[in-house]
Protein backbone atom coordinates (compact mmCIF):
# COMPACT_ATOMS: atom_id res chain seq x y z
CA UNK A 1 -27.67 11.58 36.52
CA UNK A 2 -24.72 10.70 34.24
CA UNK A 3 -23.71 7.30 32.99
CA UNK A 4 -24.64 4.87 30.24
CA UNK A 5 -27.86 2.93 30.49
CA UNK A 6 -26.51 -0.03 28.45
CA UNK A 7 -27.01 -3.33 30.35
CA UNK A 8 -28.89 -1.79 33.21
CA UNK A 9 -31.32 -4.30 34.96
CA UNK A 10 -34.64 -2.41 34.94
CA UNK A 11 -35.87 -4.48 37.86
CA UNK A 12 -32.98 -3.39 40.08
CA UNK A 13 -33.78 -0.81 42.65
CA UNK A 14 -31.26 0.83 45.06
CA UNK A 15 -32.59 1.19 48.52
CA UNK A 16 -30.25 3.65 50.29
CA UNK A 17 -30.55 3.79 54.24
CA UNK A 18 -30.07 7.34 55.32
CA UNK A 19 -31.60 7.62 58.78
CA UNK A 20 -28.59 7.02 60.91
CA UNK A 21 -27.38 9.51 63.46
CA UNK A 22 -23.66 8.98 63.01
CA UNK A 23 -22.96 9.46 66.87
CA UNK A 24 -19.49 7.83 66.53
CA UNK A 25 -18.27 10.81 64.45
CA UNK A 26 -19.12 13.43 66.92
CA UNK A 27 -18.43 16.48 67.13
CA UNK A 28 -18.36 16.87 63.32
CA UNK A 29 -21.52 14.66 62.93
CA UNK A 30 -24.45 15.77 64.92
CA UNK A 31 -28.07 14.37 65.31
CA UNK A 32 -29.50 16.96 63.09
CA UNK A 33 -26.56 16.74 60.65
CA UNK A 34 -25.23 13.18 60.58
CA UNK A 35 -22.13 11.70 59.13
CA UNK A 36 -23.66 10.69 55.66
CA UNK A 37 -24.16 14.48 54.93
CA UNK A 38 -20.50 15.43 55.45
CA UNK A 39 -17.69 15.82 53.11
CA UNK A 40 -15.20 13.89 55.21
CA UNK A 41 -13.06 12.81 52.25
CA UNK A 42 -13.35 14.28 48.71
CA UNK A 43 -15.49 16.94 47.16
CA UNK A 44 -18.79 14.97 47.68
CA UNK A 45 -20.66 14.02 50.84
CA UNK A 46 -20.93 10.41 51.67
CA UNK A 47 -24.45 10.02 50.58
CA UNK A 48 -23.58 11.73 47.30
CA UNK A 49 -20.72 9.25 46.74
CA UNK A 50 -23.15 6.44 47.30
CA UNK A 51 -25.35 7.76 44.59
CA UNK A 52 -22.43 8.42 42.29
CA UNK A 53 -21.30 4.71 42.53
CA UNK A 54 -24.72 3.61 41.08
CA UNK A 55 -24.17 5.47 37.84
CA UNK A 56 -24.71 3.17 34.95
CA UNK A 57 -25.75 0.28 37.20
CA UNK A 58 -29.17 1.45 38.38
CA UNK A 59 -31.70 3.54 36.63
CA UNK A 60 -32.02 7.00 38.38
CA UNK A 61 -35.63 6.59 38.83
CA UNK A 62 -35.02 3.27 40.66
CA UNK A 63 -33.09 4.99 43.54
CA UNK A 64 -34.91 5.22 46.73
CA UNK A 65 -33.67 7.01 49.85
CA UNK A 66 -35.11 5.70 53.08
CA UNK A 67 -35.00 8.33 55.79
CA UNK A 68 -37.00 9.88 58.50
CA UNK A 69 -39.26 13.03 58.29
CA UNK A 70 -36.83 15.17 60.15
CA UNK A 71 -33.95 14.42 57.68
CA UNK A 72 -35.94 14.25 54.40
CA UNK A 73 -35.29 18.03 53.69
CA UNK A 74 -31.61 17.46 54.17
CA UNK A 75 -31.59 14.43 51.79
CA UNK A 76 -33.40 16.24 49.08
CA UNK A 77 -31.30 19.30 48.92
CA UNK A 78 -27.95 17.38 49.12
CA UNK A 79 -29.06 14.90 46.25
CA UNK A 80 -30.39 17.62 44.04
CA UNK A 81 -26.78 17.85 42.81
CA UNK A 82 -26.56 14.25 41.75
CA UNK A 83 -30.19 13.23 40.95
CA UNK A 84 -32.84 14.96 38.71
CA UNK A 85 -35.61 13.46 40.86
CA UNK A 86 -34.95 12.51 44.49
CA UNK A 87 -37.35 9.73 45.72
CA UNK A 88 -37.68 9.48 49.52
CA UNK A 89 -39.23 6.71 51.55
CA UNK A 90 -40.07 8.40 54.67
CA UNK A 91 -40.35 6.56 58.00
CA UNK A 92 -42.47 8.45 60.64
CA UNK A 93 -39.69 7.54 63.19
CA UNK A 94 -36.62 5.48 63.05
CA UNK A 95 -37.37 1.87 63.93
CA UNK A 96 -33.99 0.26 62.96
CA UNK A 97 -33.21 -1.46 59.65
CA UNK A 98 -35.77 -4.29 59.55
CA UNK A 99 -38.71 -1.82 59.55
CA UNK A 100 -36.96 0.42 57.03
CA UNK A 101 -36.25 -2.54 54.58
CA UNK A 102 -39.71 -3.89 55.06
CA UNK A 103 -41.29 -0.64 54.14
CA UNK A 104 -39.15 -0.35 50.94
CA UNK A 105 -39.87 -3.89 50.09
CA UNK A 106 -43.62 -3.76 50.38
CA UNK A 107 -43.66 -0.55 48.45
CA UNK A 108 -41.47 -1.80 45.55
CA UNK A 109 -43.19 -5.24 45.40
CA UNK A 110 -46.59 -3.44 44.98
CA UNK A 111 -44.95 -1.37 42.14
CA UNK A 112 -43.04 -4.29 40.55
CA UNK A 113 -43.35 -7.87 41.62
CA UNK A 114 -40.07 -8.66 40.01
CA UNK A 115 -38.19 -5.96 42.00
CA UNK A 116 -34.63 -6.65 43.06
CA UNK A 117 -33.48 -4.59 46.05
CA UNK A 118 -29.90 -3.50 46.51
CA UNK A 119 -29.70 -2.24 50.09
CA UNK A 120 -26.91 0.16 50.79
CA UNK A 121 -25.92 2.25 53.91
CA UNK A 122 -25.41 6.03 52.88
CA UNK A 123 -22.23 6.54 54.72
CA UNK A 124 -19.62 3.96 53.40
CA UNK A 125 -16.40 4.79 51.64
CA UNK A 126 -15.47 2.77 48.56
CA UNK A 127 -12.77 3.89 46.11
CA UNK A 128 -12.99 1.12 43.59
CA UNK A 129 -16.30 1.90 41.77
CA UNK A 130 -15.87 -0.63 38.99
CA UNK A 131 -15.16 -3.37 41.50
CA UNK A 132 -18.22 -2.30 43.40
CA UNK A 133 -20.50 -2.48 40.28
CA UNK A 134 -19.00 -5.92 39.34
CA UNK A 135 -19.75 -7.29 42.77
CA UNK A 136 -23.34 -5.89 42.55
CA UNK A 137 -23.79 -7.68 39.30
CA UNK A 138 -22.60 -10.91 40.73
CA UNK A 139 -24.90 -10.57 43.75
CA UNK A 140 -27.81 -9.89 41.37
CA UNK A 141 -27.32 -13.26 39.67
CA UNK A 142 -27.56 -14.97 43.06
CA UNK A 143 -30.64 -12.88 44.15
CA UNK A 144 -32.45 -13.79 40.94
CA UNK A 145 -32.18 -17.46 42.15
CA UNK A 146 -34.19 -16.57 45.37
CA UNK A 147 -31.25 -16.12 47.57
CA UNK A 148 -30.76 -13.30 50.00
CA UNK A 149 -27.16 -12.08 49.35
CA UNK A 150 -24.99 -10.25 51.81
CA UNK A 151 -21.70 -8.76 50.75
CA UNK A 152 -18.83 -9.84 52.86
CA UNK A 153 -15.41 -7.88 53.10
CA UNK A 154 -12.26 -9.76 53.48
CA UNK A 155 -10.83 -8.25 56.64
CA UNK A 156 -7.55 -6.35 56.49
CA UNK A 157 -6.89 -6.52 60.22
CA UNK A 158 -8.55 -7.59 63.51
CA UNK A 159 -11.39 -5.11 64.04
CA UNK A 160 -13.72 -4.75 67.04
CA UNK A 161 -15.92 -2.16 65.50
CA UNK A 162 -17.48 -4.49 62.82
CA UNK A 163 -19.71 -7.42 62.89
CA UNK A 164 -18.55 -10.61 61.05
CA UNK A 165 -19.84 -13.24 58.76
CA UNK A 166 -18.60 -16.86 58.96
CA UNK A 167 -18.49 -18.28 55.44
CA UNK A 168 -19.69 -21.86 55.17
CA UNK A 169 -19.49 -24.18 52.24
CA UNK A 170 -18.42 -22.78 48.79
CA UNK A 171 -21.20 -22.81 46.22
CA UNK A 172 -19.60 -21.34 43.16
CA UNK A 173 -17.21 -18.42 42.07
CA UNK A 174 -17.04 -16.07 45.10
CA UNK A 175 -20.29 -17.37 46.66
CA UNK A 176 -20.64 -19.15 49.99
CA UNK A 177 -23.31 -20.31 52.34
CA UNK A 178 -23.46 -18.21 55.52
CA UNK A 179 -22.79 -20.35 58.42
CA UNK A 180 -23.35 -17.59 61.11
CA UNK A 181 -23.34 -13.85 61.79
CA UNK A 182 -21.18 -12.66 64.75
CA UNK A 183 -21.57 -9.43 66.64
CA UNK A 184 -18.75 -7.08 67.24
CA UNK A 185 -16.17 -9.31 68.99
CA UNK A 186 -13.48 -8.53 71.50
CA UNK A 187 -10.04 -7.97 70.13
CA UNK A 188 -8.79 -11.48 71.14
CA UNK A 189 -11.70 -13.02 69.26
CA UNK A 190 -11.16 -10.72 66.21
CA UNK A 191 -7.56 -11.90 66.04
CA UNK A 192 -8.74 -15.55 66.09
CA UNK A 193 -11.14 -14.82 63.20
CA UNK A 194 -8.35 -13.34 61.14
CA UNK A 195 -6.17 -16.46 61.80
CA UNK A 196 -9.01 -18.96 61.07
CA UNK A 197 -9.47 -17.31 57.59
CA UNK A 198 -13.14 -17.95 56.89
CA UNK A 199 -14.59 -14.83 58.53
CA UNK A 200 -15.52 -11.59 56.71
CA UNK A 201 -16.57 -8.22 57.70
CA UNK A 202 -20.36 -7.56 57.63
CA UNK A 203 -20.66 -4.70 55.31
CA UNK A 204 -24.41 -4.29 55.85
CA UNK A 205 -25.04 -4.30 52.06
CA UNK A 206 -27.63 -6.76 50.73
CA UNK A 207 -29.38 -7.76 47.56
CA UNK A 208 -32.50 -9.87 47.31
CA UNK A 209 -35.89 -9.93 45.56
CA UNK A 210 -38.56 -7.82 47.46
CA UNK A 211 -40.82 -10.88 47.20
CA UNK A 212 -38.30 -13.10 49.03
CA UNK A 213 -37.67 -10.75 51.83
CA UNK A 214 -41.38 -10.28 52.27
CA UNK A 215 -41.68 -14.17 52.57
CA UNK A 216 -38.90 -14.19 55.11
CA UNK A 217 -40.54 -11.39 57.12
CA UNK A 218 -43.85 -13.51 57.26
CA UNK A 219 -41.78 -16.55 58.39
CA UNK A 220 -39.50 -14.85 61.00
CA UNK A 221 -41.11 -11.58 61.88
CA UNK A 222 -44.89 -12.23 61.50
CA UNK A 223 -45.92 -9.18 63.46
CA UNK A 224 -44.01 -6.77 61.22
CA UNK A 225 -45.27 -8.58 58.11
CA UNK A 226 -48.90 -8.43 59.46
CA UNK A 227 -48.59 -4.61 60.17
CA UNK A 228 -47.27 -3.80 56.64
CA UNK A 229 -49.66 -6.11 54.92
CA UNK A 230 -52.48 -4.40 56.77
CA UNK A 231 -51.54 -1.03 55.18
CA UNK A 232 -50.77 -2.39 51.86
CA UNK A 233 -53.65 -0.78 49.94
CA UNK A 234 -52.42 2.65 51.20
CA UNK A 235 -48.77 2.29 50.15
CA UNK A 236 -47.71 4.37 47.01
CA UNK A 237 -50.98 6.43 47.49
CA UNK A 238 -51.65 9.85 49.16
CA UNK A 239 -52.98 7.80 52.18
CA UNK A 240 -49.56 6.32 52.90
CA UNK A 241 -48.30 8.86 55.31
CA UNK A 242 -51.38 8.64 57.58
CA UNK A 243 -51.35 4.80 57.50
CA UNK A 244 -47.61 4.74 58.42
CA UNK A 245 -48.19 7.22 61.22
CA UNK A 246 -50.91 5.03 62.70
CA UNK A 247 -49.06 1.94 62.45
CA UNK A 248 -45.37 2.60 62.93
CA UNK A 249 -45.25 3.21 66.72
CA UNK A 250 -46.32 -0.39 67.30
CA UNK A 251 -43.45 -1.84 65.38
CA UNK A 252 -40.39 -3.27 67.25
CA UNK A 253 -37.02 -1.80 66.71
CA UNK A 254 -35.04 -4.76 65.34
CA UNK A 255 -32.06 -4.87 62.92
CA UNK A 256 -32.46 -6.82 59.75
CA UNK A 257 -29.41 -8.94 60.75
CA UNK A 258 -31.10 -10.10 64.00
CA UNK A 259 -34.72 -10.34 62.53
CA UNK A 260 -33.89 -12.11 59.35
CA UNK A 261 -30.32 -12.69 58.38
CA UNK A 262 -29.37 -14.72 61.45
CA UNK A 263 -32.42 -17.00 60.92
CA UNK A 264 -33.01 -17.36 57.24
CA UNK A 265 -31.94 -20.50 55.48
CA UNK A 266 -31.61 -18.52 52.08
CA UNK A 267 -28.68 -16.32 53.10
CA UNK A 268 -25.49 -16.59 50.94
CA UNK A 269 -22.41 -14.34 50.84
CA UNK A 270 -20.60 -12.82 47.82
CA UNK A 271 -17.13 -11.74 48.66
CA UNK A 272 -16.84 -8.21 47.77
CA UNK A 273 -14.16 -7.30 45.15
CA UNK A 274 -13.26 -3.83 46.34
CA UNK A 275 -11.66 -2.22 49.42
CA UNK A 276 -14.29 -0.83 51.84
CA UNK A 277 -14.59 1.22 55.05
CA UNK A 278 -17.79 2.33 56.90
CA UNK A 279 -15.69 5.24 58.49
CA UNK A 280 -17.35 4.06 61.66
CA UNK A 281 -15.08 6.03 63.94
CA UNK A 282 -12.39 8.69 63.88
CA UNK A 283 -9.70 5.95 63.89
CA UNK A 284 -11.08 4.77 60.58
CA UNK A 285 -9.54 7.79 58.78
CA UNK A 286 -6.23 5.93 58.99
CA UNK A 287 -7.73 3.63 56.24
CA UNK A 288 -8.82 6.24 53.88
CA UNK A 289 -6.52 9.33 54.11
CA UNK A 290 -2.80 9.76 53.49
CA UNK A 291 -0.43 10.14 56.53
CA UNK A 292 2.74 12.08 56.73
CA UNK A 293 6.12 10.80 57.52
CA UNK A 294 5.38 10.55 61.13
CA UNK A 295 2.04 8.66 60.51
CA UNK A 296 -0.21 11.78 61.32
CA UNK A 297 -3.26 12.84 59.42
CA UNK A 298 -3.71 16.55 59.62
CA UNK A 299 -6.87 18.32 58.21
CA UNK A 300 -7.35 21.98 58.81
CA UNK A 301 -5.13 24.46 60.56
CA UNK A 302 -2.71 22.37 62.46
CA UNK A 303 0.83 22.60 63.74
CA UNK A 304 2.43 19.72 65.66
CA UNK A 305 5.87 19.06 67.24
CA UNK A 306 6.95 15.46 68.05
CA UNK A 307 3.54 13.95 67.21
CA UNK A 308 3.08 10.54 65.67
CA UNK A 309 0.31 8.28 64.43
CA UNK A 310 -2.31 10.82 65.47
CA UNK A 311 -5.33 12.36 63.64
CA UNK A 312 -5.91 16.08 63.77
CA UNK A 313 -9.22 17.35 62.28
CA UNK A 314 -9.86 21.02 62.62
CA UNK A 315 -11.56 24.06 60.98
CA UNK A 316 -10.32 27.73 61.09
CA UNK A 317 -9.07 27.62 64.60
CA UNK A 318 -5.39 26.55 65.09
CA UNK A 319 -4.85 23.08 66.59
CA UNK A 320 -1.40 23.19 68.29
CA UNK A 321 -0.11 19.90 69.58
CA UNK A 322 3.06 18.68 71.22
CA UNK A 323 4.20 15.11 71.90
CA UNK A 324 0.79 13.30 71.06
CA UNK A 325 0.96 9.61 69.99
CA UNK A 326 -1.97 7.56 68.81
CA UNK A 327 -4.34 10.34 69.75
CA UNK A 328 -7.38 11.90 67.92
CA UNK A 329 -8.02 15.64 68.21
CA UNK A 330 -11.24 17.06 66.59
CA UNK A 331 -11.92 20.80 66.93
CA UNK A 332 -15.19 22.46 65.71
CA UNK A 333 -16.74 25.93 66.39
CA UNK A 334 -18.39 24.67 69.66
CA UNK A 335 -16.84 21.51 70.68
CA UNK A 336 -13.54 19.73 70.88
CA UNK A 337 -12.90 15.93 71.10
CA UNK A 338 -9.62 14.52 72.51
CA UNK A 339 -9.28 10.77 72.76
CA UNK A 340 -6.75 7.90 72.31
CA UNK A 341 -7.22 6.06 69.16
CA UNK A 342 -8.13 2.94 70.86
CA UNK A 343 -10.95 4.72 72.89
CA UNK A 344 -12.85 6.33 69.99
CA UNK A 345 -15.50 3.59 69.89
CA UNK A 346 -16.73 5.17 73.26
CA UNK A 347 -17.76 8.53 71.47
CA UNK A 348 -21.22 7.06 71.06
CA UNK A 349 -21.37 6.60 74.84
CA UNK A 350 -20.03 10.18 75.29
CA UNK A 351 -22.91 11.53 73.09
CA UNK A 352 -25.37 9.68 75.20
CA UNK A 353 -23.96 11.34 78.16
CA UNK A 354 -24.20 14.72 76.52
CA UNK A 355 -27.76 14.03 75.82
CA UNK A 356 -28.52 13.00 79.35
CA UNK A 357 -26.95 16.12 80.71
CA UNK A 358 -28.81 18.41 78.40
CA UNK A 359 -25.80 19.61 76.45
CA UNK A 360 -27.18 20.98 73.13
CA UNK A 361 -23.88 20.22 71.42
CA UNK A 362 -24.96 16.62 70.80
CA UNK A 363 -27.92 17.71 68.76
CA UNK A 364 -26.72 20.38 66.15
CA UNK A 365 -23.44 22.18 65.25
CA UNK A 366 -22.96 25.82 65.95
CA UNK A 367 -22.53 26.28 62.14
CA UNK A 368 -25.17 24.57 60.10
CA UNK A 369 -25.01 24.07 56.42
CA UNK A 370 -27.95 24.72 54.15
CA UNK A 371 -28.31 24.66 50.32
CA UNK A 372 -28.20 28.40 50.15
CA UNK A 373 -25.20 28.87 52.53
CA UNK A 374 -24.87 28.50 56.22
CA UNK A 375 -25.83 30.08 59.55
CA UNK A 376 -24.21 30.06 62.98
CA UNK A 377 -25.69 30.80 66.34
CA UNK A 378 -23.88 33.60 68.12
CA UNK A 379 -26.07 33.81 71.19
CA UNK A 380 -29.07 32.06 72.57
CA UNK A 381 -31.38 32.90 75.49
CA UNK A 382 -34.87 31.83 76.77
CA UNK A 383 -36.73 34.17 74.31
CA UNK A 384 -34.00 35.42 71.99
CA UNK A 385 -31.46 34.02 69.51
CA UNK A 386 -28.86 35.83 67.40
CA UNK A 387 -27.61 34.21 64.19
CA UNK A 388 -25.03 35.12 61.62
CA UNK A 389 -26.49 34.19 58.21
CA UNK A 390 -24.38 33.63 55.13
CA UNK A 391 -26.05 33.53 51.66
CA UNK A 392 -24.18 32.41 48.53
CA UNK A 393 -24.41 34.67 45.45
CA UNK A 394 -27.72 34.12 43.55
CA UNK A 395 -29.05 32.09 46.40
CA UNK A 396 -32.27 32.54 48.34
CA UNK A 397 -34.11 31.18 51.23
CA UNK A 398 -37.65 29.66 51.04
CA UNK A 399 -40.81 31.97 51.14
CA UNK A 400 -41.74 31.21 54.69
CA UNK A 401 -43.37 32.40 58.00
CA UNK A 402 -43.06 31.64 61.59
CA UNK A 403 -45.84 31.38 64.17
CA UNK A 404 -43.95 31.99 67.21
CA UNK A 405 -41.08 34.39 66.48
CA UNK A 406 -40.20 37.78 64.85
CA UNK A 407 -36.97 38.53 63.24
CA UNK A 408 -34.88 41.60 62.90
CA UNK A 409 -32.28 41.55 60.05
CA UNK A 410 -29.16 43.68 59.90
CA UNK A 411 -27.08 43.64 56.67
CA UNK A 412 -23.29 43.57 57.44
CA UNK A 413 -22.06 42.73 53.88
CA UNK A 414 -23.68 42.61 50.45
CA UNK A 415 -27.19 43.72 49.53
CA UNK A 416 -30.38 41.78 50.60
CA UNK A 417 -33.49 41.56 48.46
CA UNK A 418 -36.30 41.13 50.90
CA UNK A 419 -39.96 39.98 50.50
CA UNK A 420 -42.18 40.98 53.41
CA UNK A 421 -45.85 40.30 52.85
CA UNK A 422 -46.87 42.14 49.68
CA UNK A 423 -43.65 44.32 49.72
CA UNK A 424 -40.36 43.55 48.04
CA UNK A 425 -37.34 45.90 48.52
CA UNK A 426 -33.58 46.02 48.98
CA UNK A 427 -31.62 46.44 52.17
CA UNK A 428 -28.06 47.57 51.94
CA UNK A 429 -24.96 47.35 54.19
CA UNK A 430 -25.66 48.85 57.81
CA UNK A 431 -29.42 49.00 57.01
CA UNK A 432 -32.02 46.71 58.76
CA UNK A 433 -35.55 45.46 58.41
CA UNK A 434 -38.10 43.91 60.88
CA UNK A 435 -40.23 40.74 60.08
CA UNK A 436 -43.14 40.27 62.44
CA UNK A 437 -44.24 36.82 63.38
CA UNK A 438 -46.92 35.28 60.93
CA UNK A 439 -45.76 37.38 57.94
CA UNK A 440 -44.63 35.56 54.90
CA UNK A 441 -41.03 36.57 54.04
CA UNK A 442 -38.04 35.72 51.95
CA UNK A 443 -34.30 36.65 52.11
CA UNK A 444 -32.45 36.67 48.75
CA UNK A 445 -29.05 37.43 47.40
CA UNK A 446 -29.30 38.60 43.84
CA UNK A 447 -25.68 39.89 43.77
CA UNK A 448 -22.34 38.41 42.80
CA UNK A 449 -20.71 38.59 46.29
CA UNK A 450 -21.85 36.78 49.50
CA UNK A 451 -24.58 38.30 51.69
CA UNK A 452 -24.01 38.39 55.39
CA UNK A 453 -26.77 39.44 57.90
CA UNK A 454 -27.14 39.37 61.60
CA UNK A 455 -30.57 37.90 62.52
CA UNK A 456 -32.04 38.67 65.89
CA UNK A 457 -34.92 36.28 66.74
CA UNK A 458 -37.46 37.10 69.44
CA UNK A 459 -40.39 34.93 70.61
CA UNK A 460 -41.73 32.24 72.86
CA UNK A 461 -40.43 29.44 70.65
CA UNK A 462 -37.16 29.57 68.57
CA UNK A 463 -36.85 26.08 67.15
CA UNK A 464 -35.98 25.36 63.52
CA UNK A 465 -39.14 23.49 63.07
CA UNK A 466 -41.24 26.66 63.29
CA UNK A 467 -40.95 27.26 59.52
CA UNK A 468 -44.08 27.13 57.21
CA UNK A 469 -42.78 27.24 53.67
CA UNK A 470 -44.90 28.54 50.80
CA UNK A 471 -42.17 28.16 48.06
CA UNK A 472 -38.80 26.56 48.03
CA UNK A 473 -36.00 26.23 45.39
CA UNK A 474 -34.42 23.17 47.05
CA UNK A 475 -37.14 20.70 47.02
CA UNK A 476 -37.86 20.99 50.73
CA UNK A 477 -41.43 20.37 52.15
CA UNK A 478 -43.94 23.29 51.70
CA UNK A 479 -47.47 23.84 52.98
């Protein structure tokens, strides 16, 4: 991790929340590959950008990623590019932000009683890095006084997709008491907030002492406080995973806003000195990407005639549009979204409908990125699956085995180095090999050109969780 360490507060820890599902950004974001792991703008993913903003402000060893077991591998391989040591706080299951923050607070307080927690979502878009860092430093000053600090964003327009903070009495430069938190309002109410002038967008970014948030948990969420106190001896030890697994199911799913922020008397707001977007829906791209002379945003292979103020987001396939105004069109390899801009907040409801109807497209994309390349599913049946696998030069899969499926590999480009049990050999273009179930194996590309194979899986269970890794180059779980 680059950046100077001069002036870094050694008691400041960044706690990055990375367990969200990003359903409002479907079909690009899926349950198994949420928004924070996507390169929506720029060359880094949103979670990588979140880490990058902390350079020089937080010690690399003081950055913790709170995620679920199902996403921990994804977190580790994405952040290997920006952190030397990726520290994950793993929840057995998602229980909303109060539980995630409580877990991090108890762990940090046990490690360092003076710990300050900077809580950040992993999927926000902030262009003014220096403004962000200056705001963090100002918030840290207030948190040292025992305050719970929330970062408020001066609203640029009426917005129904954000919660709001009503600022009360001014305390000192840029700091106010919080009078109240307001849930996402109707448009008429949002307009009145803008006119009134004392309302700010709720960014979901906080800074406080771990000891203070634990005190407030005891006062306002005693059940959750008791649950974490009961496993305190196991935290930061090898017994932690088992203790959390036994306890987590009993926790209520409550947001930190509802559980603590709306009730605590210690909450103050620091007005953020930087432009901000949570890219909470497709229409939010209007805030962060350049538009053409007709007001359109076009990414990918797009040709339009007489279109205006619309968003087109595509991949390799051509999007051809005529006469569209204020529309969103998103095309992926297995799903297409078409919606008016003012209706895109309903994408979350649409994903819920897909899930109810058993449509697999809500869960994972047809093309799934991996640290070594990508794979796409070409065909799937009850007891078989056919994949196209792409390995980057000098990349390799983990040494692994499957209990429930065998695999037949056919090389269509490049040369594969194959480990099968005790054997190691090369498979060339138009050649193939067979990997039986329960046999340890590895696929590797030792060449300088991409390796492409067709993988035919056969078995009674074909899920991605039927992987037992013995060795992995990307920090994913083994054993």
